[in-house]
Protein backbone atom coordinates (compact mmCIF):
# COMPACT_ATOMS: atom_id res chain seq x y z
CA UNK A 1 49.63 -86.18 -27.39
CA UNK A 2 50.26 -82.59 -25.21
CA UNK A 3 47.55 -81.58 -22.85
CA UNK A 4 46.49 -78.71 -25.74
CA UNK A 5 45.55 -80.99 -28.51
CA UNK A 6 44.16 -83.58 -25.97
CA UNK A 7 41.59 -80.99 -24.13
CA UNK A 8 40.62 -79.70 -27.60
CA UNK A 9 40.12 -83.37 -28.88
CA UNK A 10 38.23 -84.03 -25.84
CA UNK A 11 36.31 -81.41 -26.34
CA UNK A 12 34.69 -81.48 -29.50
CA UNK A 13 34.54 -84.91 -29.23
CA UNK A 14 32.08 -84.21 -25.77
CA UNK A 15 30.00 -81.72 -28.40
CA UNK A 16 29.29 -84.14 -31.10
CA UNK A 17 27.89 -86.30 -27.92
CA UNK A 18 26.08 -83.73 -27.44
CA UNK A 19 24.96 -82.90 -30.49
CA UNK A 20 23.46 -86.14 -31.05
CA UNK A 21 21.32 -86.06 -27.74
CA UNK A 22 20.07 -82.86 -29.36
CA UNK A 23 18.59 -84.32 -32.00
CA UNK A 24 17.46 -87.68 -29.83
CA UNK A 25 15.92 -85.04 -27.97
CA UNK A 26 12.57 -83.84 -28.44
CA UNK A 27 11.17 -81.76 -25.93
CA UNK A 28 7.08 -80.32 -25.64
CA UNK A 29 6.97 -76.80 -26.01
CA UNK A 30 5.28 -75.66 -23.02
CA UNK A 31 7.64 -74.84 -20.25
CA UNK A 32 6.47 -77.24 -17.79
CA UNK A 33 5.01 -76.82 -13.92
CA UNK A 34 7.08 -76.74 -11.59
CA UNK A 35 6.07 -80.04 -8.72
CA UNK A 36 7.82 -81.66 -6.72
CA UNK A 37 11.77 -82.24 -6.72
CA UNK A 38 13.49 -84.65 -7.91
CA UNK A 39 16.59 -87.03 -7.34
CA UNK A 40 16.87 -89.11 -8.97
CA UNK A 41 19.84 -92.56 -9.01
CA UNK A 42 21.43 -93.44 -12.79
CA UNK A 43 23.76 -91.51 -14.93
CA UNK A 44 23.03 -87.83 -15.36
CA UNK A 45 23.01 -87.75 -19.08
CA UNK A 46 20.13 -89.82 -19.18
CA UNK A 47 18.54 -87.94 -16.29
CA UNK A 48 19.27 -84.45 -18.19
CA UNK A 49 18.30 -85.10 -21.04
CA UNK A 50 15.14 -86.48 -20.40
CA UNK A 51 14.35 -82.24 -18.11
CA UNK A 52 14.47 -81.77 -20.96
CA UNK A 53 12.67 -83.52 -23.32
CA UNK A 54 10.29 -82.59 -20.03
CA UNK A 55 10.96 -79.43 -21.48
CA UNK A 56 13.08 -77.87 -18.58
CA UNK A 57 15.22 -76.18 -21.05
CA UNK A 58 16.14 -72.53 -19.31
CA UNK A 59 14.46 -73.67 -16.82
CA UNK A 60 16.89 -74.07 -13.53
CA UNK A 61 18.31 -70.08 -12.28
CA UNK A 62 20.99 -72.16 -10.72
CA UNK A 63 22.81 -74.78 -11.43
CA UNK A 64 26.07 -76.40 -9.86
CA UNK A 65 28.19 -79.44 -10.12
CA UNK A 66 30.82 -80.57 -7.15
CA UNK A 67 32.42 -83.36 -9.98
CA UNK A 68 35.94 -85.22 -10.39
CA UNK A 69 38.00 -83.51 -10.29
CA UNK A 70 40.48 -85.70 -11.88
CA UNK A 71 42.95 -86.88 -9.16
CA UNK A 72 43.41 -89.76 -10.83
CA UNK A 73 42.09 -91.65 -7.51
CA UNK A 74 39.69 -93.86 -6.05
CA UNK A 75 37.21 -92.22 -3.56
CA UNK A 76 35.46 -93.83 -0.71
CA UNK A 77 32.62 -93.49 1.58
CA UNK A 78 33.22 -94.90 5.40
CA UNK A 79 29.50 -96.85 6.97
CA UNK A 80 29.09 -98.75 10.56
CA UNK A 81 28.25 -102.83 10.20
CA UNK A 82 28.01 -103.52 13.98
CA UNK A 83 29.22 -107.25 14.78
CA UNK A 84 26.92 -109.65 16.70
CA UNK A 85 28.44 -107.76 19.64
CA UNK A 86 27.05 -104.34 19.18
CA UNK A 87 30.97 -103.58 18.14
CA UNK A 88 30.69 -100.82 15.83
CA UNK A 89 32.93 -101.09 12.19
CA UNK A 90 34.29 -98.92 10.64
CA UNK A 91 33.35 -100.33 7.05
CA UNK A 92 34.96 -97.96 3.38
CA UNK A 93 32.95 -98.31 0.63
CA UNK A 94 34.03 -96.99 -2.73
CA UNK A 95 31.60 -94.12 -4.30
CA UNK A 96 33.00 -92.76 -6.92
CA UNK A 97 36.38 -93.53 -9.90
CA UNK A 98 37.86 -90.09 -10.30
CA UNK A 99 40.61 -92.00 -12.63
CA UNK A 100 39.38 -91.42 -16.17
CA UNK A 101 42.00 -94.41 -17.72
CA UNK A 102 44.36 -91.58 -16.61
CA UNK A 103 43.31 -89.98 -19.64
CA UNK A 104 42.70 -85.85 -19.69
CA UNK A 105 41.00 -86.33 -23.20
CA UNK A 106 38.25 -88.43 -21.86
CA UNK A 107 38.22 -86.09 -18.64
CA UNK A 108 37.59 -83.23 -20.60
CA UNK A 109 35.33 -85.91 -23.05
CA UNK A 110 32.93 -86.27 -20.35
CA UNK A 111 33.17 -82.73 -19.34
CA UNK A 112 32.34 -80.62 -21.66
CA UNK A 113 29.22 -83.49 -23.23
CA UNK A 114 27.35 -82.20 -19.67
CA UNK A 115 28.89 -79.13 -19.56
CA UNK A 116 25.94 -78.24 -22.48
CA UNK A 117 23.52 -80.18 -21.43
CA UNK A 118 23.08 -77.69 -17.94
CA UNK A 119 23.99 -74.86 -20.48
CA UNK A 120 20.45 -75.83 -22.28
CA UNK A 121 19.04 -76.41 -18.84
CA UNK A 122 20.07 -73.04 -17.26
CA UNK A 123 17.16 -70.00 -17.37
CA UNK A 124 18.84 -67.34 -19.13
CA UNK A 125 19.72 -65.01 -16.36
CA UNK A 126 21.51 -68.83 -15.04
CA UNK A 127 24.88 -68.94 -13.30
CA UNK A 128 26.99 -72.32 -13.60
CA UNK A 129 28.81 -72.79 -10.82
CA UNK A 130 31.04 -75.86 -10.99
CA UNK A 131 33.52 -76.99 -7.94
CA UNK A 132 37.63 -77.78 -8.56
CA UNK A 133 40.29 -77.57 -7.05
CA UNK A 134 44.56 -77.90 -7.88
CA UNK A 135 43.94 -80.69 -9.66
CA UNK A 136 41.46 -79.90 -13.12
CA UNK A 137 40.36 -76.06 -12.09
CA UNK A 138 42.93 -74.59 -15.12
CA UNK A 139 41.99 -77.15 -17.45
CA UNK A 140 37.82 -76.36 -17.34
CA UNK A 141 38.58 -73.37 -17.17
CA UNK A 142 39.44 -73.37 -20.61
CA UNK A 143 36.78 -75.78 -21.72
CA UNK A 144 34.06 -73.02 -19.56
CA UNK A 145 35.20 -69.87 -21.52
CA UNK A 146 34.92 -71.67 -25.03
CA UNK A 147 31.03 -74.17 -24.13
CA UNK A 148 29.99 -71.18 -21.89
CA UNK A 149 32.27 -67.91 -24.03
CA UNK A 150 34.39 -66.19 -22.18
CA UNK A 151 32.48 -62.35 -21.91
CA UNK A 152 30.64 -65.22 -19.68
CA UNK A 153 33.08 -65.37 -17.43
CA UNK A 154 31.29 -64.19 -13.71
CA UNK A 155 33.62 -65.01 -10.07
CA UNK A 156 36.62 -67.54 -9.29
CA UNK A 157 35.74 -68.15 -5.84
CA UNK A 158 38.69 -69.65 -3.85
CA UNK A 159 36.48 -71.84 -1.24
CA UNK A 160 39.75 -71.53 2.19
CA UNK A 161 39.50 -74.60 4.78
CA UNK A 162 41.61 -75.61 7.50
CA UNK A 163 40.86 -79.74 7.53
CA UNK A 164 43.11 -82.14 4.53
CA UNK A 165 46.73 -82.85 5.36
CA UNK A 166 50.29 -80.68 4.48
CA UNK A 167 54.05 -81.00 2.83
CA UNK A 168 56.95 -80.59 2.92
CA UNK A 169 57.46 -80.44 -0.62
CA UNK A 170 55.02 -77.32 -1.42
CA UNK A 171 52.85 -75.17 0.43
CA UNK A 172 49.71 -76.54 2.37
CA UNK A 173 47.20 -77.44 -0.06
CA UNK A 174 43.66 -74.96 1.55
CA UNK A 175 41.00 -74.44 -0.98
CA UNK A 176 38.82 -75.53 -3.51
CA UNK A 177 38.64 -73.77 -6.95
CA UNK A 178 34.87 -72.58 -7.69
CA UNK A 179 33.82 -71.33 -11.53
CA UNK A 180 30.99 -69.59 -12.20
CA UNK A 181 29.42 -68.23 -15.00
CA UNK A 182 26.56 -67.28 -16.95
CA UNK A 183 24.55 -68.04 -20.09
CA UNK A 184 24.43 -64.66 -20.92
CA UNK A 185 25.67 -61.09 -20.25
CA UNK A 186 22.35 -60.36 -18.17
CA UNK A 187 22.25 -62.84 -15.70
CA UNK A 188 20.79 -62.75 -11.60
CA UNK A 189 23.32 -62.63 -8.13
CA UNK A 190 22.86 -60.66 -4.78
CA UNK A 191 25.36 -60.63 -3.23
CA UNK A 192 25.69 -60.55 0.53
CA UNK A 193 27.69 -57.98 2.50
CA UNK A 194 29.99 -58.44 4.78
CA UNK A 195 33.10 -57.30 7.87
CA UNK A 196 35.70 -54.93 6.87
CA UNK A 197 37.36 -54.91 9.81
CA UNK A 198 39.24 -51.10 10.31
CA UNK A 199 42.94 -51.79 10.91
CA UNK A 200 43.63 -51.49 13.99
CA UNK A 201 40.03 -52.29 14.83
CA UNK A 202 39.63 -49.19 15.94
CA UNK A 203 36.69 -46.14 14.21
CA UNK A 204 37.69 -44.04 10.77
CA UNK A 205 35.04 -41.87 11.79
CA UNK A 206 34.14 -40.72 8.41
CA UNK A 207 31.97 -38.57 6.78
CA UNK A 208 29.21 -40.53 5.17
CA UNK A 209 30.63 -44.07 6.10
CA UNK A 210 28.69 -46.43 8.63
CA UNK A 211 30.67 -48.39 10.83
CA UNK A 212 30.07 -50.56 13.65
CA UNK A 213 31.46 -52.04 16.27
CA UNK A 214 31.98 -56.29 17.26
CA UNK A 215 34.04 -57.65 19.99
CA UNK A 216 37.03 -56.97 17.75
CA UNK A 217 36.50 -54.13 16.74
CA UNK A 218 35.04 -51.84 14.65
CA UNK A 219 34.17 -52.12 10.66
CA UNK A 220 32.37 -51.44 7.97
CA UNK A 221 30.37 -53.63 5.79
CA UNK A 222 31.09 -54.37 2.10
CA UNK A 223 30.05 -55.97 -0.37
CA UNK A 224 31.55 -60.38 -0.72
CA UNK A 225 35.07 -60.49 -1.78
CA UNK A 226 35.45 -63.57 -4.16
CA UNK A 227 37.31 -65.48 -1.09
CA UNK A 228 35.64 -67.44 1.46
CA UNK A 229 36.47 -69.18 4.80
CA UNK A 230 34.78 -71.21 5.96
CA UNK A 231 35.00 -74.56 7.84
CA UNK A 232 34.70 -78.00 6.42
CA UNK A 233 32.31 -80.79 7.42
CA UNK A 234 33.71 -81.39 11.27
CA UNK A 235 34.70 -86.05 12.35
CA UNK A 236 31.82 -84.95 14.43
CA UNK A 237 29.22 -82.86 12.71
CA UNK A 238 26.55 -82.91 12.50
CA UNK A 239 26.61 -82.72 8.83
CA UNK A 240 28.80 -85.56 8.32
CA UNK A 241 27.70 -88.68 6.33
CA UNK A 242 31.22 -90.74 5.91
CA UNK A 243 30.72 -89.54 1.99
CA UNK A 244 34.07 -88.37 0.37
CA UNK A 245 34.36 -85.10 -0.47
CA UNK A 246 31.52 -84.36 1.76
CA UNK A 247 30.90 -80.10 1.18
CA UNK A 248 29.26 -78.01 4.05
CA UNK A 249 25.25 -76.52 4.43
CA UNK A 250 27.33 -72.95 5.52
CA UNK A 251 29.31 -73.40 1.86
CA UNK A 252 25.59 -74.54 0.02
CA UNK A 253 23.76 -72.08 1.95
CA UNK A 254 25.59 -69.29 0.09
CA UNK A 255 25.93 -70.00 -3.09
CA UNK A 256 22.01 -70.57 -3.13
CA UNK A 257 21.45 -67.78 -2.21
CA UNK A 258 23.42 -65.41 -4.10
CA UNK A 259 22.77 -67.87 -7.32
CA UNK A 260 18.56 -67.72 -6.92
CA UNK A 261 15.50 -66.75 -5.34
CA UNK A 262 13.31 -68.74 -2.58
CA UNK A 263 10.80 -70.98 -4.73
CA UNK A 264 13.27 -71.07 -8.63
CA UNK A 265 14.52 -74.01 -9.54
CA UNK A 266 18.45 -74.94 -9.00
CA UNK A 267 19.98 -77.93 -10.02
CA UNK A 268 23.17 -80.42 -8.71
CA UNK A 269 24.04 -83.26 -11.40
CA UNK A 270 26.62 -84.53 -9.54
CA UNK A 271 24.36 -84.44 -6.01
CA UNK A 272 27.10 -87.25 -4.45
CA UNK A 273 25.37 -87.28 -0.14
CA UNK A 274 22.74 -84.60 -0.47
CA UNK A 275 24.16 -80.64 1.00
CA UNK A 276 23.36 -78.62 -2.25
CA UNK A 277 19.76 -80.28 -1.37
CA UNK A 278 19.59 -80.27 1.71
CA UNK A 279 20.58 -76.54 1.24
CA UNK A 280 18.20 -75.50 -0.97
CA UNK A 281 14.89 -77.53 -0.01
CA UNK A 282 15.95 -75.55 3.27
CA UNK A 283 15.92 -72.49 2.04
CA UNK A 284 12.03 -72.27 -0.41
CA UNK A 285 13.77 -73.52 -3.71
CA UNK A 286 12.29 -76.70 -5.93
CA UNK A 287 15.31 -78.42 -6.42
CA UNK A 288 16.26 -81.98 -8.87
CA UNK A 289 19.69 -84.00 -7.97
CA UNK A 290 20.84 -86.86 -9.44
CA UNK A 291 23.85 -88.92 -8.69
CA UNK A 292 24.83 -92.27 -10.30
CA UNK A 293 26.16 -94.41 -7.25
CA UNK A 294 23.53 -96.16 -4.90
CA UNK A 295 25.45 -95.25 -1.56
CA UNK A 296 25.38 -91.77 -2.38
CA UNK A 297 21.93 -91.56 -4.28
CA UNK A 298 20.88 -93.93 -0.20
CA UNK A 299 23.16 -91.32 2.25
CA UNK A 300 20.99 -88.23 0.78
CA UNK A 301 17.51 -89.84 0.81
CA UNK A 302 17.76 -90.76 4.56
CA UNK A 303 18.96 -87.08 5.00
CA UNK A 304 16.18 -85.11 2.69
CA UNK A 305 13.57 -86.62 4.13
CA UNK A 306 14.61 -86.17 7.87
CA UNK A 307 14.64 -82.37 6.28
CA UNK A 308 10.90 -83.15 5.44
CA UNK A 309 11.20 -82.08 1.92
CA UNK A 310 8.13 -84.00 -0.22
CA UNK A 311 10.92 -84.94 -3.10
CA UNK A 312 9.88 -88.29 -6.13
CA UNK A 313 12.57 -90.38 -6.23
CA UNK A 314 13.75 -91.80 -9.82
CA UNK A 315 15.26 -94.87 -10.23
CA UNK A 316 15.68 -97.67 -13.24
CA UNK A 317 14.37 -100.47 -10.52
CA UNK A 318 15.75 -102.99 -12.97
CA UNK A 319 19.12 -101.52 -12.44
CA UNK A 320 18.05 -100.25 -8.47
CA UNK A 321 17.23 -103.57 -6.83
CA UNK A 322 19.78 -106.15 -6.02
CA UNK A 323 18.44 -110.01 -5.80
CA UNK A 324 19.45 -110.64 -2.69
CA UNK A 325 15.67 -112.07 -0.39
CA UNK A 326 14.73 -109.41 2.79
CA UNK A 327 10.89 -110.39 4.44
CA UNK A 328 9.00 -108.79 6.99
CA UNK A 329 6.27 -111.07 9.01
CA UNK A 330 3.10 -109.14 10.01
CA UNK A 331 1.48 -109.88 13.26
CA UNK A 332 -0.97 -107.09 13.00
CA UNK A 333 -2.80 -105.67 9.99
CA UNK A 334 -5.84 -103.25 11.44
CA UNK A 335 -7.23 -101.17 8.35
CA UNK A 336 -7.96 -97.22 9.25
CA UNK A 337 -11.09 -94.70 8.59
CA UNK A 338 -8.25 -93.03 6.23
CA UNK A 339 -8.20 -96.49 4.39
CA UNK A 340 -5.02 -96.76 5.09
CA UNK A 341 -3.73 -100.05 7.07
CA UNK A 342 -1.15 -100.72 10.31
CA UNK A 343 1.22 -103.66 10.13
CA UNK A 344 3.08 -104.59 12.91
CA UNK A 345 5.65 -106.42 11.66
CA UNK A 346 9.49 -107.48 11.85
CA UNK A 347 12.13 -108.15 10.36
CA UNK A 348 12.34 -111.82 9.87
CA UNK A 349 15.36 -112.50 7.22
CA UNK A 350 17.52 -110.91 5.40
CA UNK A 351 19.42 -112.30 2.37
CA UNK A 352 22.01 -109.70 1.26
CA UNK A 353 23.15 -109.32 -2.63
CA UNK A 354 26.67 -107.41 -1.59
CA UNK A 355 29.15 -107.41 -4.62
CA UNK A 356 32.64 -107.12 -1.97
CA UNK A 357 34.61 -105.36 -4.29
CA UNK A 358 33.80 -102.60 -3.54
CA UNK A 359 35.10 -103.40 -0.16
CA UNK A 360 38.55 -102.60 0.49
CA UNK A 361 40.30 -105.37 0.90
CA UNK A 362 41.24 -105.31 4.78
CA UNK A 363 37.27 -105.12 5.46
CA UNK A 364 36.11 -108.13 2.84
CA UNK A 365 36.85 -110.40 5.95
CA UNK A 366 34.66 -108.59 8.44
CA UNK A 367 32.10 -108.08 5.74
CA UNK A 368 31.50 -112.02 5.11
CA UNK A 369 31.48 -112.96 8.71
CA UNK A 370 29.45 -110.23 9.56
CA UNK A 371 26.87 -112.31 6.67
CA UNK A 372 27.39 -115.83 7.75
CA UNK A 373 26.71 -114.62 11.47
CA UNK A 374 24.04 -111.87 10.86
CA UNK A 375 23.35 -110.13 7.76
CA UNK A 376 20.23 -107.82 9.77
CA UNK A 377 23.40 -106.40 11.01
CA UNK A 378 23.91 -104.21 7.41
CA UNK A 379 20.25 -103.20 7.40
CA UNK A 380 20.13 -99.88 7.57
CA UNK A 381 16.79 -98.68 7.14
CA UNK A 382 13.76 -99.50 5.97
CA UNK A 383 11.85 -97.10 3.48
CA UNK A 384 7.91 -97.28 2.65
CA UNK A 385 6.55 -96.31 -1.31
CA UNK A 386 3.16 -94.55 -0.64
CA UNK A 387 0.83 -93.29 -3.78
CA UNK A 388 2.62 -90.59 -3.22
CA UNK A 389 5.76 -91.27 -3.20
CA UNK A 390 8.23 -92.24 0.67
CA UNK A 391 5.41 -92.03 3.18
CA UNK A 392 8.01 -92.87 5.86
CA UNK A 393 11.97 -93.51 6.56
CA UNK A 394 12.41 -97.02 9.80
CA UNK A 395 16.40 -96.92 11.12
CA UNK A 396 15.75 -99.32 14.46
CA UNK A 397 13.82 -101.59 16.31
CA UNK A 398 13.11 -103.90 12.89
CA UNK A 399 11.90 -106.32 15.89
CA UNK A 400 9.41 -103.81 16.41
CA UNK A 401 7.53 -102.32 13.80
CA UNK A 402 4.83 -100.10 13.05
CA UNK A 403 3.91 -98.75 9.33
CA UNK A 404 0.85 -97.05 8.61
CA UNK A 405 0.29 -97.51 4.52
CA UNK A 406 -1.79 -97.26 1.50
CA UNK A 407 -3.09 -100.66 0.48
CA UNK A 408 -0.67 -100.34 -2.65
CA UNK A 409 2.22 -99.30 -0.49
CA UNK A 410 6.71 -100.94 -1.54
CA UNK A 411 8.72 -101.20 1.66
CA UNK A 412 12.11 -101.24 0.38
CA UNK A 413 15.16 -102.38 2.49
CA UNK A 414 17.57 -100.66 2.10
CA UNK A 415 21.29 -101.89 3.75
CA UNK A 416 24.16 -99.85 4.82
CA UNK A 417 26.19 -99.88 1.21
CA UNK A 418 22.33 -98.26 -0.52
CA UNK A 419 21.55 -101.38 -2.39
CA UNK A 420 17.30 -101.92 -2.35
CA UNK A 421 15.69 -104.99 -0.92
CA UNK A 422 12.02 -104.91 -1.45
CA UNK A 423 10.16 -106.97 1.26
CA UNK A 424 7.97 -109.76 1.35
CA UNK A 425 5.29 -109.21 3.30
CA UNK A 426 4.73 -112.16 5.78
CA UNK A 427 1.23 -113.03 6.75
CA UNK A 428 -0.61 -116.26 8.06
CA UNK A 429 2.18 -117.79 7.01
CA UNK A 430 2.30 -117.48 3.68
CA UNK A 431 2.99 -114.34 1.57
CA UNK A 432 1.23 -111.80 0.98
CA UNK A 433 -0.58 -108.61 0.23
CA UNK A 434 0.08 -105.41 2.33
């Protein structure tokens, strides 16, 4: 089967799936008020379907996605695990498989149905930004021209960076492509200005042209061009999560500022470790994010809590919670005037439930030894869920924890691979309630 036939078949199947989803989805007639932001763990088609059902069709000013690129490869995140001596080891864990059965038709089908769902969620004056690279940008442009209309093509942004390898048989590949499409001909965009240096860095002295000078020389201000030079997240950067394909906040900031206003609703339905969501939070936007990988969502959730975000976390408890065991011993429980409780407690026991098939073969023996000798080293953080969502995250000193929580709070431990375990609370030698 030829490439064009695969693209056509994949796109048509995606259309059929979208029509079936929409026929099964009854949306409310009134647009809902924008509540708290949301982070969801699960399939993004299911999540977008739920948003449509809740009445969010046409509510998103900007949607950005960084989907799989059809690289026919697997991608890992790197996490740190300590051994009994306290020495850290870097462990690679599979986060997503970008092979799609090595079928271009499967890849196009997968992306087409999601593009149509995002188009449904996008405001009439909104923009869709799709981040790709040389593997698939040419294929995806064809389906975007068809599904979003070639008349609604706005920009092809070239993101240039320095990191990465080089080859002897081709020029070094040092850029990604971001395709930008509108839903209608009337869309919102705020293009910033950038410096354009004069030839020789000397003043032109043209009448009516305002010039400026910095340490490099003289320049004018012009509307930003479609080639962006933004550094990737460095190995020692404070932003670095260890997640494969993580994008820098500076790049996310530029996209969000250009395509939305403060208070707007923006979305990322392949959110990975949450760079777009953190940027949206910092810039005062409401946001919705989704990913189906537990480790990615765990990383995103932690960084969003650290950024002070107020958000709702959505997941399917039956799928998300593991079958291992973790318990806390409470040494002191004190009622507070606020009606909440203060707990002094420590981590007592952890029996992990880890699927080693997601860990690279070279690292599996080490993880098995940690599980046998000191499984507590695999606990990454503890989350306290209150009546209004996440009330706190504890990341260290699990032997001496002070927790202030609601009486019906849920305490959940998260291992380094993003897997969750509901804690049993041990009070006076038995299992008790908070």
